[in-house]
Amino acid sequence: MHIYRLRCTLYLLLALLLAGCGEDVPRLSPLSQNAVILAFGDSLTYGTGAGAGSSYPAVLERLSGHRVINAGKPGEQTPAGLARLVRELDDYQPELLILCHGGNDMLRQQPLQSMAANLEQMVRLAHERGIQVVMLGVPRPALLTRSTADTYRSVAEKMGVPLEDAILAEVLSDSALKSDQIHPNAEGYRRIAEAVYRLLQQAGAL
């Protein structure tokens, strides 16, 4: 009887764990055949640390079959990114924005509340133009293990957008996938692109 109860308890715990892992990804509309994707951010989007053609937007373009614009600007913080985004959205008129920003705010110890407000406004700017948004969570700066800043989960939940919140932390915690302390190498960027591609499939965009 005790063994039976133990098994029932274990099955219940497993079911609860699986249920927690199966949370629904916010849905996106399928991209049209000629859709343009705008990858917007800082050096992690630009591809610092890897050669030409190895940035995650370049790899994602090959995976998805869609044109992916690399709008990464190394060193940029979210206030400047917010000011720049309007022009990029209007110039390229993408169907999808992939937003990966805020790492430099954290490196320079800027207030997380301000960073969150800027990220939220970036999402609003896209939504006001009928552009769908996916976010990439950036890990907190750390010497050893890294984990995604909770700010990204809060913003994504509030704005109702899909979030890839694990891959950058995984890549930047593995020295074999980095070119320096804060940038991936070509293999790291490839893994980021693959994770974004999977998220877009799960959300229904691809």
N, C-alpha and C. Protein backbone atom coordinates (compact mmCIF):
# COMPACT_ATOMS: atom_id res chain seq x y z
N MET A 1 0.82 -1.21 0.00
CA MET A 1 0.00 0.00 0.00
C MET A 1 0.86 1.25 0.00
N HIS A 2 1.96 1.21 0.80
CA HIS A 2 2.84 2.37 0.85
C HIS A 2 3.52 2.59 -0.50
N ILE A 3 3.93 1.50 -1.16
CA ILE A 3 4.56 1.61 -2.47
C ILE A 3 3.59 2.20 -3.48
N TYR A 4 2.32 1.75 -3.41
CA TYR A 4 1.30 2.24 -4.33
C TYR A 4 1.11 3.75 -4.15
N ARG A 5 1.04 4.18 -2.87
CA ARG A 5 0.87 5.61 -2.60
C ARG A 5 2.09 6.41 -3.07
N LEU A 6 3.27 5.83 -2.90
CA LEU A 6 4.49 6.52 -3.33
C LEU A 6 4.49 6.70 -4.85
N ARG A 7 4.09 5.63 -5.56
CA ARG A 7 4.04 5.73 -7.02
C ARG A 7 3.02 6.78 -7.47
N CYS A 8 1.86 6.80 -6.82
CA CYS A 8 0.84 7.79 -7.17
C CYS A 8 1.37 9.21 -6.95
N THR A 9 2.09 9.39 -5.84
CA THR A 9 2.65 10.71 -5.55
C THR A 9 3.67 11.12 -6.60
N LEU A 10 4.53 10.16 -6.99
CA LEU A 10 5.55 10.45 -8.00
C LEU A 10 4.92 10.79 -9.34
N TYR A 11 3.87 10.04 -9.73
CA TYR A 11 3.18 10.31 -10.99
C TYR A 11 2.54 11.70 -10.97
N LEU A 12 1.97 12.08 -9.82
CA LEU A 12 1.34 13.39 -9.69
C LEU A 12 2.37 14.51 -9.83
N LEU A 13 3.53 14.32 -9.17
CA LEU A 13 4.58 15.33 -9.27
C LEU A 13 5.09 15.46 -10.69
N LEU A 14 5.24 14.31 -11.38
CA LEU A 14 5.70 14.34 -12.76
C LEU A 14 4.70 15.07 -13.65
N ALA A 15 3.41 14.82 -13.43
CA ALA A 15 2.37 15.47 -14.22
C ALA A 15 2.39 16.97 -14.02
N LEU A 16 2.61 17.38 -12.76
CA LEU A 16 2.66 18.81 -12.47
C LEU A 16 3.86 19.47 -13.15
N LEU A 17 5.00 18.76 -13.14
CA LEU A 17 6.19 19.30 -13.78
C LEU A 17 5.99 19.43 -15.27
N LEU A 18 5.41 18.41 -15.88
CA LEU A 18 5.17 18.46 -17.32
C LEU A 18 4.18 19.56 -17.68
N ALA A 19 3.19 19.74 -16.85
CA ALA A 19 2.22 20.80 -17.09
C ALA A 19 2.88 22.16 -17.04
N GLY A 20 3.82 22.33 -16.09
CA GLY A 20 4.52 23.60 -15.99
C GLY A 20 5.41 23.88 -17.18
N CYS A 21 5.96 22.78 -17.80
CA CYS A 21 6.84 22.95 -18.95
C CYS A 21 6.06 23.16 -20.23
N GLY A 22 4.77 22.91 -20.21
CA GLY A 22 3.99 22.97 -21.42
C GLY A 22 3.16 24.23 -21.57
N GLU A 23 3.62 25.30 -20.93
CA GLU A 23 2.87 26.55 -21.02
C GLU A 23 2.82 27.01 -22.48
N ASP A 24 1.68 27.54 -22.87
CA ASP A 24 1.48 27.94 -24.26
C ASP A 24 2.34 29.15 -24.61
N VAL A 25 2.92 29.09 -25.80
CA VAL A 25 3.63 30.24 -26.35
C VAL A 25 2.60 31.17 -26.98
N PRO A 26 2.68 32.48 -26.73
CA PRO A 26 1.75 33.39 -27.40
C PRO A 26 1.79 33.18 -28.91
N ARG A 27 0.62 33.17 -29.53
CA ARG A 27 0.52 32.86 -30.95
C ARG A 27 0.83 34.05 -31.83
N LEU A 28 1.47 33.76 -32.96
CA LEU A 28 1.74 34.75 -33.99
C LEU A 28 1.02 34.35 -35.27
N SER A 29 0.71 35.31 -36.12
CA SER A 29 0.13 35.01 -37.42
C SER A 29 1.23 34.51 -38.35
N PRO A 30 0.92 33.58 -39.25
CA PRO A 30 1.94 33.10 -40.19
C PRO A 30 2.48 34.24 -41.04
N LEU A 31 3.78 34.24 -41.25
CA LEU A 31 4.40 35.26 -42.08
C LEU A 31 4.07 35.00 -43.54
N SER A 32 3.89 36.09 -44.29
CA SER A 32 3.63 35.95 -45.71
C SER A 32 4.90 35.49 -46.43
N GLN A 33 4.75 35.06 -47.65
CA GLN A 33 5.87 34.50 -48.41
C GLN A 33 7.02 35.49 -48.54
N ASN A 34 6.71 36.77 -48.72
CA ASN A 34 7.75 37.78 -48.92
C ASN A 34 8.00 38.63 -47.67
N ALA A 35 7.65 38.10 -46.54
CA ALA A 35 7.79 38.86 -45.29
C ALA A 35 9.25 39.19 -45.00
N VAL A 36 9.45 40.39 -44.46
CA VAL A 36 10.76 40.83 -43.98
C VAL A 36 10.76 40.74 -42.45
N ILE A 37 11.84 40.21 -41.91
CA ILE A 37 12.04 40.14 -40.46
C ILE A 37 13.12 41.14 -40.08
N LEU A 38 12.85 41.95 -39.06
CA LEU A 38 13.84 42.91 -38.58
C LEU A 38 14.41 42.42 -37.25
N ALA A 39 15.70 42.10 -37.24
CA ALA A 39 16.39 41.71 -36.00
C ALA A 39 17.04 42.97 -35.44
N PHE A 40 16.54 43.43 -34.30
CA PHE A 40 16.94 44.73 -33.75
C PHE A 40 17.61 44.54 -32.40
N GLY A 41 18.75 45.19 -32.22
CA GLY A 41 19.42 45.08 -30.93
C GLY A 41 20.79 45.73 -30.93
N ASP A 42 21.69 45.16 -30.14
CA ASP A 42 23.02 45.72 -30.00
C ASP A 42 24.05 44.76 -30.60
N SER A 43 25.20 44.57 -29.95
CA SER A 43 26.26 43.75 -30.52
C SER A 43 25.88 42.28 -30.63
N LEU A 44 24.98 41.80 -29.78
CA LEU A 44 24.54 40.41 -29.86
C LEU A 44 23.75 40.16 -31.14
N THR A 45 23.10 41.18 -31.64
CA THR A 45 22.40 41.08 -32.92
C THR A 45 23.36 41.34 -34.07
N TYR A 46 24.21 42.32 -33.91
CA TYR A 46 25.18 42.67 -34.95
C TYR A 46 26.06 41.48 -35.31
N GLY A 47 26.44 40.68 -34.29
CA GLY A 47 27.29 39.52 -34.53
C GLY A 47 28.73 39.71 -34.13
N THR A 48 28.97 40.64 -33.21
CA THR A 48 30.33 40.87 -32.71
C THR A 48 30.93 39.57 -32.20
N GLY A 49 32.15 39.27 -32.64
CA GLY A 49 32.82 38.05 -32.22
C GLY A 49 32.80 36.95 -33.26
N ALA A 50 32.11 37.17 -34.37
CA ALA A 50 32.03 36.16 -35.43
C ALA A 50 32.24 36.85 -36.77
N GLY A 51 32.58 36.06 -37.76
CA GLY A 51 32.83 36.60 -39.08
C GLY A 51 31.55 36.98 -39.81
N ALA A 52 31.73 37.62 -40.95
CA ALA A 52 30.59 38.00 -41.77
C ALA A 52 29.77 36.77 -42.16
N GLY A 53 28.46 36.92 -42.04
CA GLY A 53 27.58 35.81 -42.38
C GLY A 53 27.34 34.83 -41.25
N SER A 54 27.93 35.09 -40.08
CA SER A 54 27.77 34.17 -38.95
C SER A 54 26.91 34.73 -37.83
N SER A 55 26.40 35.96 -37.97
CA SER A 55 25.51 36.51 -36.95
C SER A 55 24.23 35.69 -36.88
N TYR A 56 23.49 35.79 -35.77
CA TYR A 56 22.27 35.01 -35.69
C TYR A 56 21.24 35.44 -36.74
N PRO A 57 21.11 36.76 -37.09
CA PRO A 57 20.17 37.10 -38.16
C PRO A 57 20.54 36.47 -39.50
N ALA A 58 21.85 36.40 -39.81
CA ALA A 58 22.27 35.79 -41.07
C ALA A 58 21.93 34.31 -41.11
N VAL A 59 22.15 33.62 -40.01
CA VAL A 59 21.83 32.19 -39.95
C VAL A 59 20.32 31.99 -39.99
N LEU A 60 19.58 32.85 -39.28
CA LEU A 60 18.12 32.74 -39.28
C LEU A 60 17.56 32.95 -40.68
N GLU A 61 18.15 33.84 -41.44
CA GLU A 61 17.69 34.07 -42.81
C GLU A 61 17.80 32.79 -43.64
N ARG A 62 18.90 32.06 -43.45
CA ARG A 62 19.07 30.82 -44.20
C ARG A 62 18.10 29.75 -43.71
N LEU A 63 17.83 29.71 -42.43
CA LEU A 63 16.92 28.71 -41.88
C LEU A 63 15.48 28.98 -42.29
N SER A 64 15.07 30.24 -42.25
CA SER A 64 13.66 30.58 -42.42
C SER A 64 13.26 30.79 -43.88
N GLY A 65 14.22 31.14 -44.72
CA GLY A 65 13.88 31.46 -46.10
C GLY A 65 13.32 32.86 -46.28
N HIS A 66 13.31 33.64 -45.19
CA HIS A 66 12.85 35.03 -45.25
C HIS A 66 14.03 35.98 -45.16
N ARG A 67 13.86 37.16 -45.73
CA ARG A 67 14.89 38.19 -45.58
C ARG A 67 14.91 38.67 -44.13
N VAL A 68 16.09 38.62 -43.52
CA VAL A 68 16.24 39.06 -42.13
C VAL A 68 17.23 40.23 -42.12
N ILE A 69 16.74 41.40 -41.76
CA ILE A 69 17.57 42.60 -41.68
C ILE A 69 18.31 42.62 -40.35
N ASN A 70 19.62 42.77 -40.42
CA ASN A 70 20.43 42.89 -39.20
C ASN A 70 20.52 44.36 -38.82
N ALA A 71 19.74 44.74 -37.80
CA ALA A 71 19.75 46.12 -37.30
C ALA A 71 20.38 46.17 -35.92
N GLY A 72 21.52 45.48 -35.77
CA GLY A 72 22.25 45.50 -34.51
C GLY A 72 23.26 46.63 -34.48
N LYS A 73 23.35 47.31 -33.35
CA LYS A 73 24.29 48.42 -33.19
C LYS A 73 25.10 48.21 -31.91
N PRO A 74 26.36 47.80 -32.03
CA PRO A 74 27.18 47.53 -30.85
C PRO A 74 27.24 48.71 -29.88
N GLY A 75 27.16 48.39 -28.60
CA GLY A 75 27.30 49.39 -27.55
C GLY A 75 26.06 50.18 -27.22
N GLU A 76 25.00 49.98 -27.98
CA GLU A 76 23.80 50.79 -27.80
C GLU A 76 23.04 50.40 -26.54
N GLN A 77 22.50 51.40 -25.84
CA GLN A 77 21.62 51.19 -24.70
C GLN A 77 20.17 51.43 -25.13
N THR A 78 19.23 51.03 -24.30
CA THR A 78 17.83 51.07 -24.72
C THR A 78 17.29 52.48 -25.01
N PRO A 79 17.71 53.55 -24.34
CA PRO A 79 17.18 54.87 -24.73
C PRO A 79 17.52 55.20 -26.19
N ALA A 80 18.76 54.93 -26.60
CA ALA A 80 19.15 55.19 -27.98
C ALA A 80 18.45 54.21 -28.92
N GLY A 81 18.29 52.98 -28.48
CA GLY A 81 17.59 51.99 -29.30
C GLY A 81 16.15 52.38 -29.55
N LEU A 82 15.49 52.88 -28.52
CA LEU A 82 14.10 53.32 -28.66
C LEU A 82 13.99 54.45 -29.68
N ALA A 83 14.94 55.38 -29.64
CA ALA A 83 14.92 56.49 -30.60
C ALA A 83 15.20 56.01 -32.02
N ARG A 84 16.04 55.00 -32.17
CA ARG A 84 16.42 54.50 -33.49
C ARG A 84 15.36 53.59 -34.09
N LEU A 85 14.61 52.89 -33.26
CA LEU A 85 13.70 51.85 -33.75
C LEU A 85 12.64 52.40 -34.70
N VAL A 86 12.12 53.58 -34.43
CA VAL A 86 11.06 54.15 -35.28
C VAL A 86 11.52 54.22 -36.73
N ARG A 87 12.73 54.70 -36.94
CA ARG A 87 13.25 54.83 -38.30
C ARG A 87 13.42 53.45 -38.96
N GLU A 88 13.92 52.50 -38.20
CA GLU A 88 14.14 51.16 -38.76
C GLU A 88 12.81 50.51 -39.15
N LEU A 89 11.81 50.65 -38.31
CA LEU A 89 10.51 50.06 -38.61
C LEU A 89 9.89 50.70 -39.85
N ASP A 90 9.99 52.02 -39.93
CA ASP A 90 9.40 52.72 -41.07
C ASP A 90 10.16 52.48 -42.36
N ASP A 91 11.48 52.34 -42.25
CA ASP A 91 12.30 52.12 -43.45
C ASP A 91 12.08 50.73 -44.03
N TYR A 92 12.05 49.70 -43.17
CA TYR A 92 12.01 48.32 -43.66
C TYR A 92 10.60 47.72 -43.68
N GLN A 93 9.68 48.28 -42.89
CA GLN A 93 8.31 47.80 -42.82
C GLN A 93 8.25 46.27 -42.69
N PRO A 94 8.86 45.73 -41.64
CA PRO A 94 8.88 44.27 -41.46
C PRO A 94 7.52 43.75 -41.01
N GLU A 95 7.31 42.46 -41.19
CA GLU A 95 6.13 41.81 -40.61
C GLU A 95 6.42 41.32 -39.19
N LEU A 96 7.72 41.15 -38.88
CA LEU A 96 8.11 40.63 -37.58
C LEU A 96 9.34 41.36 -37.08
N LEU A 97 9.31 41.75 -35.80
CA LEU A 97 10.45 42.34 -35.11
C LEU A 97 10.99 41.34 -34.10
N ILE A 98 12.28 41.04 -34.17
CA ILE A 98 12.94 40.25 -33.13
C ILE A 98 13.75 41.22 -32.30
N LEU A 99 13.38 41.38 -31.05
CA LEU A 99 13.95 42.41 -30.18
C LEU A 99 14.90 41.76 -29.17
N CYS A 100 16.17 42.14 -29.25
CA CYS A 100 17.20 41.65 -28.31
C CYS A 100 18.02 42.84 -27.86
N HIS A 101 17.61 43.44 -26.75
CA HIS A 101 18.23 44.70 -26.33
C HIS A 101 18.30 44.75 -24.80
N GLY A 102 19.16 45.61 -24.30
CA GLY A 102 19.23 45.83 -22.87
C GLY A 102 20.51 45.35 -22.20
N GLY A 103 21.31 44.55 -22.90
CA GLY A 103 22.53 44.04 -22.29
C GLY A 103 23.48 45.15 -21.85
N ASN A 104 23.59 46.20 -22.66
CA ASN A 104 24.49 47.30 -22.30
C ASN A 104 23.95 48.13 -21.15
N ASP A 105 22.62 48.20 -21.03
CA ASP A 105 22.04 48.87 -19.85
C ASP A 105 22.50 48.16 -18.58
N MET A 106 22.45 46.82 -18.60
CA MET A 106 22.83 46.06 -17.40
C MET A 106 24.33 46.14 -17.15
N LEU A 107 25.13 46.09 -18.23
CA LEU A 107 26.58 46.21 -18.06
C LEU A 107 26.96 47.53 -17.41
N ARG A 108 26.21 48.58 -17.74
CA ARG A 108 26.50 49.92 -17.20
C ARG A 108 25.63 50.25 -15.99
N GLN A 109 24.98 49.22 -15.46
CA GLN A 109 24.20 49.31 -14.22
C GLN A 109 23.15 50.42 -14.26
N GLN A 110 22.46 50.51 -15.39
CA GLN A 110 21.35 51.44 -15.51
C GLN A 110 20.12 50.84 -14.80
N PRO A 111 19.17 51.65 -14.37
CA PRO A 111 18.00 51.14 -13.65
C PRO A 111 17.20 50.16 -14.52
N LEU A 112 16.88 49.01 -13.93
CA LEU A 112 16.12 48.00 -14.68
C LEU A 112 14.71 48.49 -15.00
N GLN A 113 14.15 49.34 -14.14
CA GLN A 113 12.82 49.87 -14.42
C GLN A 113 12.81 50.69 -15.71
N SER A 114 13.86 51.49 -15.91
CA SER A 114 13.95 52.29 -17.13
C SER A 114 14.15 51.39 -18.34
N MET A 115 14.99 50.37 -18.20
CA MET A 115 15.20 49.43 -19.29
C MET A 115 13.89 48.75 -19.68
N ALA A 116 13.13 48.31 -18.68
CA ALA A 116 11.85 47.65 -18.94
C ALA A 116 10.89 48.59 -19.66
N ALA A 117 10.82 49.84 -19.21
CA ALA A 117 9.92 50.81 -19.85
C ALA A 117 10.30 51.04 -21.30
N ASN A 118 11.60 51.09 -21.59
CA ASN A 118 12.05 51.29 -22.96
C ASN A 118 11.72 50.07 -23.83
N LEU A 119 11.90 48.88 -23.29
CA LEU A 119 11.57 47.67 -24.04
C LEU A 119 10.07 47.60 -24.32
N GLU A 120 9.28 47.94 -23.33
CA GLU A 120 7.82 47.94 -23.53
C GLU A 120 7.42 48.92 -24.63
N GLN A 121 8.04 50.10 -24.64
CA GLN A 121 7.71 51.09 -25.65
C GLN A 121 8.14 50.62 -27.04
N MET A 122 9.26 49.90 -27.13
CA MET A 122 9.68 49.35 -28.42
C MET A 122 8.63 48.39 -28.95
N VAL A 123 8.11 47.54 -28.07
CA VAL A 123 7.07 46.60 -28.49
C VAL A 123 5.82 47.36 -28.95
N ARG A 124 5.45 48.39 -28.20
CA ARG A 124 4.27 49.18 -28.57
C ARG A 124 4.44 49.83 -29.95
N LEU A 125 5.62 50.36 -30.20
CA LEU A 125 5.88 51.00 -31.49
C LEU A 125 5.65 50.03 -32.64
N ALA A 126 6.09 48.79 -32.44
CA ALA A 126 5.89 47.78 -33.47
C ALA A 126 4.41 47.43 -33.60
N HIS A 127 3.75 47.18 -32.47
CA HIS A 127 2.35 46.78 -32.50
C HIS A 127 1.47 47.87 -33.12
N GLU A 128 1.80 49.13 -32.86
CA GLU A 128 1.03 50.24 -33.44
C GLU A 128 1.09 50.23 -34.97
N ARG A 129 2.14 49.63 -35.50
CA ARG A 129 2.32 49.54 -36.95
C ARG A 129 1.88 48.18 -37.50
N GLY A 130 1.26 47.37 -36.66
CA GLY A 130 0.81 46.06 -37.09
C GLY A 130 1.92 45.05 -37.24
N ILE A 131 3.04 45.28 -36.56
CA ILE A 131 4.21 44.40 -36.67
C ILE A 131 4.25 43.48 -35.46
N GLN A 132 4.39 42.20 -35.71
CA GLN A 132 4.48 41.22 -34.62
C GLN A 132 5.87 41.28 -33.99
N VAL A 133 5.95 40.84 -32.73
CA VAL A 133 7.20 40.95 -31.98
C VAL A 133 7.53 39.64 -31.28
N VAL A 134 8.82 39.30 -31.32
CA VAL A 134 9.39 38.22 -30.52
C VAL A 134 10.57 38.81 -29.76
N MET A 135 10.74 38.41 -28.51
CA MET A 135 11.84 38.93 -27.70
C MET A 135 12.87 37.85 -27.40
N LEU A 136 14.11 38.30 -27.25
CA LEU A 136 15.20 37.45 -26.77
C LEU A 136 15.65 37.98 -25.41
N GLY A 137 15.62 37.12 -24.40
CA GLY A 137 16.05 37.54 -23.07
C GLY A 137 17.56 37.53 -22.95
N VAL A 138 18.11 38.58 -22.35
CA VAL A 138 19.56 38.73 -22.20
C VAL A 138 19.94 38.40 -20.75
N PRO A 139 21.00 37.63 -20.56
CA PRO A 139 21.39 37.27 -19.19
C PRO A 139 22.02 38.43 -18.43
N ARG A 140 21.88 38.37 -17.12
CA ARG A 140 22.55 39.34 -16.27
C ARG A 140 24.06 39.13 -16.35
N PRO A 141 24.85 40.20 -16.31
CA PRO A 141 26.31 40.05 -16.31
C PRO A 141 26.76 39.26 -15.09
N ALA A 142 27.66 38.29 -15.31
CA ALA A 142 28.15 37.46 -14.22
C ALA A 142 29.49 36.87 -14.63
N LEU A 143 30.32 36.56 -13.65
CA LEU A 143 31.62 35.99 -13.94
C LEU A 143 31.52 34.51 -14.28
N LEU A 144 30.59 33.81 -13.65
CA LEU A 144 30.49 32.36 -13.85
C LEU A 144 29.19 32.03 -14.55
N THR A 145 28.25 31.42 -13.85
CA THR A 145 26.99 31.05 -14.48
C THR A 145 26.15 32.29 -14.75
N ARG A 146 25.34 32.21 -15.78
CA ARG A 146 24.48 33.32 -16.16
C ARG A 146 23.04 32.86 -16.22
N SER A 147 22.13 33.77 -15.96
CA SER A 147 20.70 33.49 -16.11
C SER A 147 20.02 34.74 -16.64
N THR A 148 18.95 34.52 -17.40
CA THR A 148 18.25 35.64 -18.01
C THR A 148 17.64 36.56 -16.95
N ALA A 149 17.79 37.84 -17.16
CA ALA A 149 17.21 38.82 -16.23
C ALA A 149 15.69 38.68 -16.21
N ASP A 150 15.11 38.71 -15.02
CA ASP A 150 13.66 38.56 -14.88
C ASP A 150 12.89 39.65 -15.61
N THR A 151 13.54 40.78 -15.84
CA THR A 151 12.89 41.90 -16.54
C THR A 151 12.28 41.46 -17.86
N TYR A 152 12.96 40.60 -18.59
CA TYR A 152 12.48 40.19 -19.92
C TYR A 152 11.20 39.36 -19.82
N ARG A 153 11.13 38.49 -18.83
CA ARG A 153 9.90 37.71 -18.65
C ARG A 153 8.74 38.61 -18.29
N SER A 154 9.00 39.59 -17.44
CA SER A 154 7.94 40.52 -17.04
C SER A 154 7.43 41.33 -18.23
N VAL A 155 8.35 41.83 -19.04
CA VAL A 155 7.96 42.63 -20.21
C VAL A 155 7.20 41.77 -21.21
N ALA A 156 7.73 40.58 -21.50
CA ALA A 156 7.08 39.70 -22.48
C ALA A 156 5.68 39.31 -22.03
N GLU A 157 5.52 39.01 -20.75
CA GLU A 157 4.20 38.64 -20.23
C GLU A 157 3.24 39.83 -20.31
N LYS A 158 3.72 41.00 -19.91
CA LYS A 158 2.86 42.19 -19.93
C LYS A 158 2.43 42.54 -21.35
N MET A 159 3.33 42.39 -22.31
CA MET A 159 3.05 42.79 -23.69
C MET A 159 2.48 41.63 -24.52
N GLY A 160 2.45 40.44 -23.97
CA GLY A 160 1.85 39.30 -24.66
C GLY A 160 2.63 38.83 -25.87
N VAL A 161 3.97 38.83 -25.78
CA VAL A 161 4.79 38.43 -26.92
C VAL A 161 5.61 37.19 -26.57
N PRO A 162 5.93 36.36 -27.58
CA PRO A 162 6.78 35.19 -27.33
C PRO A 162 8.18 35.62 -26.89
N LEU A 163 8.76 34.83 -26.00
CA LEU A 163 10.08 35.13 -25.46
C LEU A 163 10.95 33.88 -25.50
N GLU A 164 12.14 34.01 -26.06
CA GLU A 164 13.18 32.98 -25.94
C GLU A 164 14.07 33.42 -24.79
N ASP A 165 13.93 32.78 -23.64
CA ASP A 165 14.59 33.28 -22.44
C ASP A 165 15.71 32.38 -21.92
N ALA A 166 16.14 31.40 -22.72
CA ALA A 166 17.15 30.46 -22.23
C ALA A 166 18.43 30.45 -23.06
N ILE A 167 18.32 30.61 -24.38
CA ILE A 167 19.46 30.30 -25.24
C ILE A 167 20.66 31.22 -25.02
N LEU A 168 20.44 32.52 -24.84
CA LEU A 168 21.59 33.41 -24.64
C LEU A 168 22.32 33.09 -23.34
N ALA A 169 21.57 32.78 -22.29
CA ALA A 169 22.20 32.40 -21.03
C ALA A 169 23.00 31.11 -21.19
N GLU A 170 22.45 30.15 -21.93
CA GLU A 170 23.15 28.89 -22.15
C GLU A 170 24.44 29.11 -22.93
N VAL A 171 24.35 29.88 -24.01
CA VAL A 171 25.52 30.12 -24.85
C VAL A 171 26.60 30.87 -24.09
N LEU A 172 26.22 31.92 -23.36
CA LEU A 172 27.20 32.75 -22.68
C LEU A 172 27.72 32.13 -21.39
N SER A 173 27.19 30.96 -21.02
CA SER A 173 27.71 30.22 -19.88
C SER A 173 28.69 29.14 -20.31
N ASP A 174 28.90 29.01 -21.63
CA ASP A 174 29.75 27.95 -22.18
C ASP A 174 30.92 28.59 -22.92
N SER A 175 32.11 28.44 -22.38
CA SER A 175 33.28 29.09 -22.97
C SER A 175 33.55 28.60 -24.39
N ALA A 176 33.11 27.39 -24.72
CA ALA A 176 33.34 26.87 -26.07
C ALA A 176 32.47 27.57 -27.11
N LEU A 177 31.47 28.32 -26.66
CA LEU A 177 30.55 28.99 -27.57
C LEU A 177 30.74 30.51 -27.57
N LYS A 178 31.82 30.99 -26.94
CA LYS A 178 32.04 32.43 -26.82
C LYS A 178 33.34 32.86 -27.50
N SER A 179 33.33 34.09 -28.02
CA SER A 179 34.54 34.68 -28.56
C SER A 179 35.24 35.54 -27.51
N ASP A 180 34.48 36.04 -26.53
CA ASP A 180 35.02 36.77 -25.39
C ASP A 180 34.02 36.63 -24.25
N GLN A 181 34.14 37.44 -23.22
CA GLN A 181 33.30 37.27 -22.03
C GLN A 181 31.83 37.57 -22.29
N ILE A 182 31.51 38.40 -23.28
CA ILE A 182 30.11 38.81 -23.45
C ILE A 182 29.56 38.57 -24.85
N HIS A 183 30.35 37.93 -25.73
CA HIS A 183 29.87 37.71 -27.09
C HIS A 183 30.04 36.25 -27.52
N PRO A 184 29.06 35.70 -28.22
CA PRO A 184 29.21 34.35 -28.75
C PRO A 184 30.22 34.31 -29.90
N ASN A 185 30.63 33.08 -30.24
CA ASN A 185 31.37 32.87 -31.48
C ASN A 185 30.38 32.38 -32.54
N ALA A 186 30.89 31.97 -33.70
CA ALA A 186 30.00 31.57 -34.79
C ALA A 186 29.08 30.42 -34.38
N GLU A 187 29.60 29.44 -33.66
CA GLU A 187 28.77 28.32 -33.23
C GLU A 187 27.71 28.79 -32.24
N GLY A 188 28.08 29.72 -31.37
CA GLY A 188 27.11 30.26 -30.42
C GLY A 188 25.98 30.98 -31.13
N TYR A 189 26.32 31.79 -32.12
CA TYR A 189 25.28 32.49 -32.88
C TYR A 189 24.39 31.51 -33.65
N ARG A 190 24.99 30.44 -34.15
CA ARG A 190 24.19 29.44 -34.86
C ARG A 190 23.14 28.85 -33.93
N ARG A 191 23.54 28.55 -32.71
CA ARG A 191 22.59 27.97 -31.75
C ARG A 191 21.49 28.96 -31.38
N ILE A 192 21.84 30.23 -31.29
CA ILE A 192 20.82 31.25 -31.02
C ILE A 192 19.82 31.30 -32.15
N ALA A 193 20.31 31.30 -33.39
CA ALA A 193 19.41 31.33 -34.55
C ALA A 193 18.50 30.12 -34.57
N GLU A 194 19.01 28.97 -34.25
CA GLU A 194 18.20 27.75 -34.24
C GLU A 194 17.11 27.83 -33.17
N ALA A 195 17.45 28.40 -32.00
CA ALA A 195 16.46 28.54 -30.94
C ALA A 195 15.36 29.53 -31.34
N VAL A 196 15.74 30.62 -31.98
CA VAL A 196 14.73 31.59 -32.45
C VAL A 196 13.85 30.95 -33.51
N TYR A 197 14.45 30.20 -34.41
CA TYR A 197 13.70 29.51 -35.46
C TYR A 197 12.67 28.56 -34.86
N ARG A 198 13.08 27.80 -33.84
CA ARG A 198 12.14 26.87 -33.18
C ARG A 198 11.00 27.63 -32.52
N LEU A 199 11.31 28.76 -31.88
CA LEU A 199 10.28 29.56 -31.23
C LEU A 199 9.29 30.09 -32.26
N LEU A 200 9.77 30.55 -33.40
CA LEU A 200 8.88 31.06 -34.44
C LEU A 200 7.97 29.94 -34.98
N GLN A 201 8.51 28.74 -35.05
CA GLN A 201 7.68 27.60 -35.46
C GLN A 201 6.61 27.30 -34.41
N GLN A 202 7.01 27.28 -33.15
CA GLN A 202 6.08 26.98 -32.06
C GLN A 202 4.96 28.03 -31.99
N ALA A 203 5.33 29.29 -32.24
CA ALA A 203 4.35 30.37 -32.16
C ALA A 203 3.46 30.47 -33.39
N GLY A 204 3.81 29.75 -34.46
CA GLY A 204 2.97 29.73 -35.65
C GLY A 204 3.38 30.71 -36.74
N ALA A 205 4.49 31.44 -36.56
CA ALA A 205 4.92 32.39 -37.56
C ALA A 205 5.49 31.70 -38.79
N LEU A 206 6.14 30.55 -38.58
CA LEU A 206 6.76 29.79 -39.67
C LEU A 206 6.09 28.41 -39.79
